Amino acid sequence: MSNLTKRQLSVSLQKLLVQNQLDKITIQDLVNEAQVSRKTFYYHFQDIYDLLEWTLVDEGKKLLTERQGEDGWKNNLWNVFQYLHGHKATIMNIYRSQKDGGLLRRHMASLILPLLEQDFDSQPGHEQVAEEDREFLLNLYSHGIVEFFYHWIGDGMKPEPGQTMARLSRLFDGSMEDFIRRYQAGARP
């Protein structure tokens, strides 16, 4: 029952976020939409930001689980683009409410890092790369892509995802394989 109530509150928050910035939504708005009491809300969450974080993690898990293992990092990153673009109003209303963007950035990193790890670990020779070097590369890519996404959202999700994905593909295609190849050849960073 607890997860059912959390999901009910999450769905209500998502409905409200289509029309309102996060910082304009009150607990009263939320409990009215969910048809639960304030006590029920506070039993599950400390505040709206706590509910938002739970919602983003839950949505991210669903996205990654539904698409797991499908056709490499490009397809998986494309799925993230489609998800963000398909929930544009909600994402934009979260973005506009965040002073530092920490929550949204963390959410995007939680989506992107596993995709990059999966791709790296599928490369021939990856097991020969020291863990600290693997971690360095994955963190560099992850932070770069997250910041790119964050600025893309800030620009109103323009240009369109297809054009943006093509640019990212040109930039990243073969780079992990090249890193591993150079590592194996002794050009260790």
C-alpha atoms as a PDB file:
ATOM      1  CA  MET A   1       0.000   0.000   0.000  1.00  0.00           C
ATOM      2  CA  SER A   2       2.909   2.363   0.769  1.00  0.00           C
ATOM      3  CA  ASN A   3       4.288   2.307  -2.798  1.00  0.00           C
ATOM      4  CA  LEU A   4       0.766   2.662  -4.172  1.00  0.00           C
ATOM      5  CA  THR A   5       0.278   5.855  -2.159  1.00  0.00           C
ATOM      6  CA  LYS A   6       3.710   7.137  -3.181  1.00  0.00           C
ATOM      7  CA  ARG A   7       2.873   6.527  -6.826  1.00  0.00           C
ATOM      8  CA  GLN A   8      -0.488   8.238  -6.390  1.00  0.00           C
ATOM      9  CA  LEU A   9       1.283  11.298  -4.986  1.00  0.00           C
ATOM     10  CA  SER A  10       3.891  11.073  -7.743  1.00  0.00           C
ATOM     11  CA  VAL A  11       1.260  10.984 -10.483  1.00  0.00           C
ATOM     12  CA  SER A  12      -0.451  13.977  -8.901  1.00  0.00           C
ATOM     13  CA  LEU A  13       2.822  15.891  -8.782  1.00  0.00           C
ATOM     14  CA  GLN A  14       3.466  15.092 -12.440  1.00  0.00           C
ATOM     15  CA  LYS A  15      -0.024  16.348 -13.381  1.00  0.00           C
ATOM     16  CA  LEU A  16       0.560  19.585 -11.508  1.00  0.00           C
ATOM     17  CA  LEU A  17       4.021  20.016 -13.043  1.00  0.00           C
ATOM     18  CA  VAL A  18       2.577  20.057 -16.548  1.00  0.00           C
ATOM     19  CA  GLN A  19       0.918  23.411 -15.731  1.00  0.00           C
ATOM     20  CA  ASN A  20       2.978  24.858 -12.857  1.00  0.00           C
ATOM     21  CA  GLN A  21       6.563  25.445 -11.867  1.00  0.00           C
ATOM     22  CA  LEU A  22       7.675  23.260  -8.997  1.00  0.00           C
ATOM     23  CA  ASP A  23       8.178  26.206  -6.652  1.00  0.00           C
ATOM     24  CA  LYS A  24       4.556  27.315  -7.250  1.00  0.00           C
ATOM     25  CA  ILE A  25       3.047  23.966  -6.203  1.00  0.00           C
ATOM     26  CA  THR A  26       1.931  23.745  -2.579  1.00  0.00           C
ATOM     27  CA  ILE A  27       1.387  20.714  -0.391  1.00  0.00           C
ATOM     28  CA  GLN A  28      -2.298  21.650  -0.357  1.00  0.00           C
ATOM     29  CA  ASP A  29      -2.421  21.611  -4.174  1.00  0.00           C
ATOM     30  CA  LEU A  30      -0.780  18.218  -4.141  1.00  0.00           C
ATOM     31  CA  VAL A  31      -2.983  16.572  -1.523  1.00  0.00           C
ATOM     32  CA  ASN A  32      -6.095  17.972  -3.208  1.00  0.00           C
ATOM     33  CA  GLU A  33      -5.009  16.500  -6.546  1.00  0.00           C
ATOM     34  CA  ALA A  34      -4.088  13.141  -4.978  1.00  0.00           C
ATOM     35  CA  GLN A  35      -7.171  13.116  -2.747  1.00  0.00           C
ATOM     36  CA  VAL A  36      -5.157  12.244   0.353  1.00  0.00           C
ATOM     37  CA  SER A  37      -4.619  14.012   3.644  1.00  0.00           C
ATOM     38  CA  ARG A  38      -1.629  16.181   4.539  1.00  0.00           C
ATOM     39  CA  LYS A  39      -0.812  13.596   7.186  1.00  0.00           C
ATOM     40  CA  THR A  40      -0.619  10.909   4.499  1.00  0.00           C
ATOM     41  CA  PHE A  41       1.713  13.075   2.436  1.00  0.00           C
ATOM     42  CA  TYR A  42       4.026  13.740   5.379  1.00  0.00           C
ATOM     43  CA  TYR A  43       3.980  10.081   6.345  1.00  0.00           C
ATOM     44  CA  HIS A  44       5.729   9.315   3.036  1.00  0.00           C
ATOM     45  CA  PHE A  45       7.680  12.464   2.182  1.00  0.00           C
ATOM     46  CA  GLN A  46       9.365  15.352   3.988  1.00  0.00           C
ATOM     47  CA  ASP A  47       8.435  17.928   1.365  1.00  0.00           C
ATOM     48  CA  ILE A  48       7.672  18.356  -2.330  1.00  0.00           C
ATOM     49  CA  TYR A  49      11.367  18.116  -3.236  1.00  0.00           C
ATOM     50  CA  ASP A  50      11.567  14.750  -1.503  1.00  0.00           C
ATOM     51  CA  LEU A  51       8.565  13.577  -3.555  1.00  0.00           C
ATOM     52  CA  LEU A  52      10.136  14.979  -6.718  1.00  0.00           C
ATOM     53  CA  GLU A  53      13.360  13.093  -6.066  1.00  0.00           C
ATOM     54  CA  TRP A  54      11.428   9.863  -5.444  1.00  0.00           C
ATOM     55  CA  THR A  55       9.468  10.482  -8.656  1.00  0.00           C
ATOM     56  CA  LEU A  56      12.578  11.105 -10.751  1.00  0.00           C
ATOM     57  CA  VAL A  57      14.314   8.000  -9.393  1.00  0.00           C
ATOM     58  CA  ASP A  58      11.208   5.883  -9.970  1.00  0.00           C
ATOM     59  CA  GLU A  59      10.766   7.194 -13.522  1.00  0.00           C
ATOM     60  CA  GLY A  60      14.458   6.652 -14.205  1.00  0.00           C
ATOM     61  CA  LYS A  61      14.325   3.058 -13.002  1.00  0.00           C
ATOM     62  CA  LYS A  62      11.364   2.394 -15.276  1.00  0.00           C
ATOM     63  CA  LEU A  63      13.115   3.964 -18.256  1.00  0.00           C
ATOM     64  CA  LEU A  64      16.338   2.013 -17.695  1.00  0.00           C
ATOM     65  CA  THR A  65      14.538  -1.260 -16.994  1.00  0.00           C
ATOM     66  CA  GLU A  66      12.296  -1.007 -20.055  1.00  0.00           C
ATOM     67  CA  ARG A  67      15.229  -0.259 -22.348  1.00  0.00           C
ATOM     68  CA  GLN A  68      18.023  -2.270 -20.697  1.00  0.00           C
ATOM     69  CA  GLY A  69      20.523  -3.781 -23.047  1.00  0.00           C
ATOM     70  CA  GLU A  70      18.995  -2.397 -26.207  1.00  0.00           C
ATOM     71  CA  ASP A  71      21.503  -1.602 -28.918  1.00  0.00           C
ATOM     72  CA  GLY A  72      24.264   0.299 -27.141  1.00  0.00           C
ATOM     73  CA  TRP A  73      24.732   3.745 -25.721  1.00  0.00           C
ATOM     74  CA  LYS A  74      23.333   5.644 -28.727  1.00  0.00           C
ATOM     75  CA  ASN A  75      19.954   3.972 -28.568  1.00  0.00           C
ATOM     76  CA  ASN A  76      19.839   4.316 -24.792  1.00  0.00           C
ATOM     77  CA  LEU A  77      20.846   7.978 -24.915  1.00  0.00           C
ATOM     78  CA  TRP A  78      18.220   8.502 -27.618  1.00  0.00           C
ATOM     79  CA  ASN A  79      15.651   7.027 -25.200  1.00  0.00           C
ATOM     80  CA  VAL A  80      16.702   9.575 -22.559  1.00  0.00           C
ATOM     81  CA  PHE A  81      16.313  12.389 -25.143  1.00  0.00           C
ATOM     82  CA  GLN A  82      12.862  11.097 -26.081  1.00  0.00           C
ATOM     83  CA  TYR A  83      11.818  10.807 -22.448  1.00  0.00           C
ATOM     84  CA  LEU A  84      12.936  14.367 -21.624  1.00  0.00           C
ATOM     85  CA  HIS A  85      11.406  15.789 -24.805  1.00  0.00           C
ATOM     86  CA  GLY A  86       8.187  13.797 -24.270  1.00  0.00           C
ATOM     87  CA  HIS A  87       7.869  15.285 -20.782  1.00  0.00           C
ATOM     88  CA  LYS A  88       8.982  18.745 -21.872  1.00  0.00           C
ATOM     89  CA  ALA A  89       6.467  20.788 -19.877  1.00  0.00           C
ATOM     90  CA  THR A  90       7.215  18.888 -16.682  1.00  0.00           C
ATOM     91  CA  ILE A  91      10.996  19.016 -17.122  1.00  0.00           C
ATOM     92  CA  MET A  92      10.912  22.717 -18.009  1.00  0.00           C
ATOM     93  CA  ASN A  93       8.811  23.497 -14.917  1.00  0.00           C
ATOM     94  CA  ILE A  94      11.306  21.638 -12.738  1.00  0.00           C
ATOM     95  CA  TYR A  95      14.225  23.363 -14.467  1.00  0.00           C
ATOM     96  CA  ARG A  96      12.731  26.837 -13.995  1.00  0.00           C
ATOM     97  CA  SER A  97      12.205  26.206 -10.275  1.00  0.00           C
ATOM     98  CA  GLN A  98      15.706  25.018  -9.490  1.00  0.00           C
ATOM     99  CA  LYS A  99      18.264  27.584  -8.389  1.00  0.00           C
ATOM    100  CA  ASP A 100      21.320  25.351  -8.830  1.00  0.00           C
ATOM    101  CA  GLY A 101      19.779  22.478 -10.763  1.00  0.00           C
ATOM    102  CA  GLY A 102      21.276  19.913  -8.394  1.00  0.00           C
ATOM    103  CA  LEU A 103      18.286  17.593  -8.297  1.00  0.00           C
ATOM    104  CA  LEU A 104      17.766  17.559 -12.048  1.00  0.00           C
ATOM    105  CA  ARG A 105      21.495  17.099 -12.703  1.00  0.00           C
ATOM    106  CA  ARG A 106      21.670  14.178 -10.236  1.00  0.00           C
ATOM    107  CA  HIS A 107      18.677  12.579 -11.914  1.00  0.00           C
ATOM    108  CA  MET A 108      20.213  12.877 -15.361  1.00  0.00           C
ATOM    109  CA  ALA A 109      23.517  11.479 -14.069  1.00  0.00           C
ATOM    110  CA  SER A 110      21.653   8.502 -12.581  1.00  0.00           C
ATOM    111  CA  LEU A 111      20.245   7.805 -16.058  1.00  0.00           C
ATOM    112  CA  ILE A 112      23.392   8.393 -18.090  1.00  0.00           C
ATOM    113  CA  LEU A 113      26.192   6.836 -16.017  1.00  0.00           C
ATOM    114  CA  PRO A 114      24.722   3.288 -16.115  1.00  0.00           C
ATOM    115  CA  LEU A 115      24.345   3.566 -19.904  1.00  0.00           C
ATOM    116  CA  LEU A 116      27.987   4.555 -20.275  1.00  0.00           C
ATOM    117  CA  GLU A 117      29.117   1.817 -17.875  1.00  0.00           C
ATOM    118  CA  GLN A 118      27.170  -0.757 -19.848  1.00  0.00           C
ATOM    119  CA  ASP A 119      28.735   0.406 -23.104  1.00  0.00           C
ATOM    120  CA  PHE A 120      32.274   0.501 -21.684  1.00  0.00           C
ATOM    121  CA  ASP A 121      31.913  -2.951 -20.166  1.00  0.00           C
ATOM    122  CA  SER A 122      30.778  -4.363 -23.515  1.00  0.00           C
ATOM    123  CA  GLN A 123      33.985  -3.279 -25.256  1.00  0.00           C
ATOM    124  CA  PRO A 124      36.654  -5.907 -25.984  1.00  0.00           C
ATOM    125  CA  GLY A 125      39.626  -5.440 -23.655  1.00  0.00           C
ATOM    126  CA  HIS A 126      37.731  -3.356 -21.089  1.00  0.00           C
ATOM    127  CA  GLU A 127      38.777  -5.712 -18.300  1.00  0.00           C
ATOM    128  CA  GLN A 128      42.423  -4.707 -18.838  1.00  0.00           C
ATOM    129  CA  VAL A 129      41.724  -1.076 -17.943  1.00  0.00           C
ATOM    130  CA  ALA A 130      42.486  -0.143 -14.330  1.00  0.00           C
ATOM    131  CA  GLU A 131      39.383   0.704 -12.318  1.00  0.00           C
ATOM    132  CA  GLU A 132      40.569   4.263 -11.602  1.00  0.00           C
ATOM    133  CA  ASP A 133      41.071   4.897 -15.335  1.00  0.00           C
ATOM    134  CA  ARG A 134      37.685   3.394 -16.172  1.00  0.00           C
ATOM    135  CA  GLU A 135      36.069   5.555 -13.516  1.00  0.00           C
ATOM    136  CA  PHE A 136      37.896   8.663 -14.779  1.00  0.00           C
ATOM    137  CA  LEU A 137      36.674   8.165 -18.349  1.00  0.00           C
ATOM    138  CA  LEU A 138      33.094   7.351 -17.350  1.00  0.00           C
ATOM    139  CA  ASN A 139      32.886  10.327 -14.986  1.00  0.00           C
ATOM    140  CA  LEU A 140      34.290  12.651 -17.649  1.00  0.00           C
ATOM    141  CA  TYR A 141      31.750  11.481 -20.227  1.00  0.00           C
ATOM    142  CA  SER A 142      28.899  11.437 -17.733  1.00  0.00           C
ATOM    143  CA  HIS A 143      29.540  14.953 -16.420  1.00  0.00           C
ATOM    144  CA  GLY A 144      29.926  16.292 -19.945  1.00  0.00           C
ATOM    145  CA  ILE A 145      26.707  14.722 -21.179  1.00  0.00           C
ATOM    146  CA  VAL A 146      24.756  15.764 -18.067  1.00  0.00           C
ATOM    147  CA  GLU A 147      25.894  19.377 -18.439  1.00  0.00           C
ATOM    148  CA  PHE A 148      25.071  19.241 -22.125  1.00  0.00           C
ATOM    149  CA  PHE A 149      21.546  17.965 -21.338  1.00  0.00           C
ATOM    150  CA  TYR A 150      21.101  20.598 -18.631  1.00  0.00           C
ATOM    151  CA  HIS A 151      21.997  23.426 -21.025  1.00  0.00           C
ATOM    152  CA  TRP A 152      19.886  21.854 -23.766  1.00  0.00           C
ATOM    153  CA  ILE A 153      16.894  21.917 -21.384  1.00  0.00           C
ATOM    154  CA  GLY A 154      17.727  25.523 -20.486  1.00  0.00           C
ATOM    155  CA  ASP A 155      17.647  26.410 -24.181  1.00  0.00           C
ATOM    156  CA  GLY A 156      14.082  25.114 -24.414  1.00  0.00           C
ATOM    157  CA  MET A 157      15.169  21.664 -25.657  1.00  0.00           C
ATOM    158  CA  LYS A 158      16.401  23.092 -28.935  1.00  0.00           C
ATOM    159  CA  PRO A 159      17.643  21.953 -31.359  1.00  0.00           C
ATOM    160  CA  GLU A 160      15.419  18.931 -31.818  1.00  0.00           C
ATOM    161  CA  PRO A 161      16.657  15.639 -30.295  1.00  0.00           C
ATOM    162  CA  GLY A 162      17.508  14.020 -33.642  1.00  0.00           C
ATOM    163  CA  GLN A 163      19.868  16.805 -34.666  1.00  0.00           C
ATOM    164  CA  THR A 164      21.470  16.906 -31.230  1.00  0.00           C
ATOM    165  CA  MET A 165      21.871  13.126 -31.101  1.00  0.00           C
ATOM    166  CA  ALA A 166      23.616  13.157 -34.487  1.00  0.00           C
ATOM    167  CA  ARG A 167      26.161  15.644 -33.151  1.00  0.00           C
ATOM    168  CA  LEU A 168      26.767  13.599 -30.017  1.00  0.00           C
ATOM    169  CA  SER A 169      27.196  10.457 -32.121  1.00  0.00           C
ATOM    170  CA  ARG A 170      29.859  12.102 -34.265  1.00  0.00           C
ATOM    171  CA  LEU A 171      31.698  13.210 -31.153  1.00  0.00           C
ATOM    172  CA  PHE A 172      31.554   9.985 -29.132  1.00  0.00           C
ATOM    173  CA  ASP A 173      31.479   7.192 -31.727  1.00  0.00           C
ATOM    174  CA  GLY A 174      34.529   4.993 -31.247  1.00  0.00           C
ATOM    175  CA  SER A 175      35.997   7.040 -28.407  1.00  0.00           C
ATOM    176  CA  MET A 176      35.670   4.334 -25.748  1.00  0.00           C
ATOM    177  CA  GLU A 177      37.137   1.745 -28.090  1.00  0.00           C
ATOM    178  CA  ASP A 178      39.995   4.144 -28.854  1.00  0.00           C
ATOM    179  CA  PHE A 179      40.613   4.769 -25.132  1.00  0.00           C
ATOM    180  CA  ILE A 180      40.820   1.019 -24.469  1.00  0.00           C
ATOM    181  CA  ARG A 181      43.043   0.441 -27.500  1.00  0.00           C
ATOM    182  CA  ARG A 182      45.452   3.181 -26.404  1.00  0.00           C
ATOM    183  CA  TYR A 183      45.399   1.811 -22.874  1.00  0.00           C
ATOM    184  CA  GLN A 184      46.306  -1.656 -24.132  1.00  0.00           C
ATOM    185  CA  ALA A 185      49.121  -0.214 -26.249  1.00  0.00           C
ATOM    186  CA  GLY A 186      50.714   1.199 -23.119  1.00  0.00           C
ATOM    187  CA  ALA A 187      49.635   4.810 -23.507  1.00  0.00           C
ATOM    188  CA  ARG A 188      48.139   4.721 -20.061  1.00  0.00           C
ATOM    189  CA  PRO A 189      46.956   8.153 -18.881  1.00  0.00           C
END
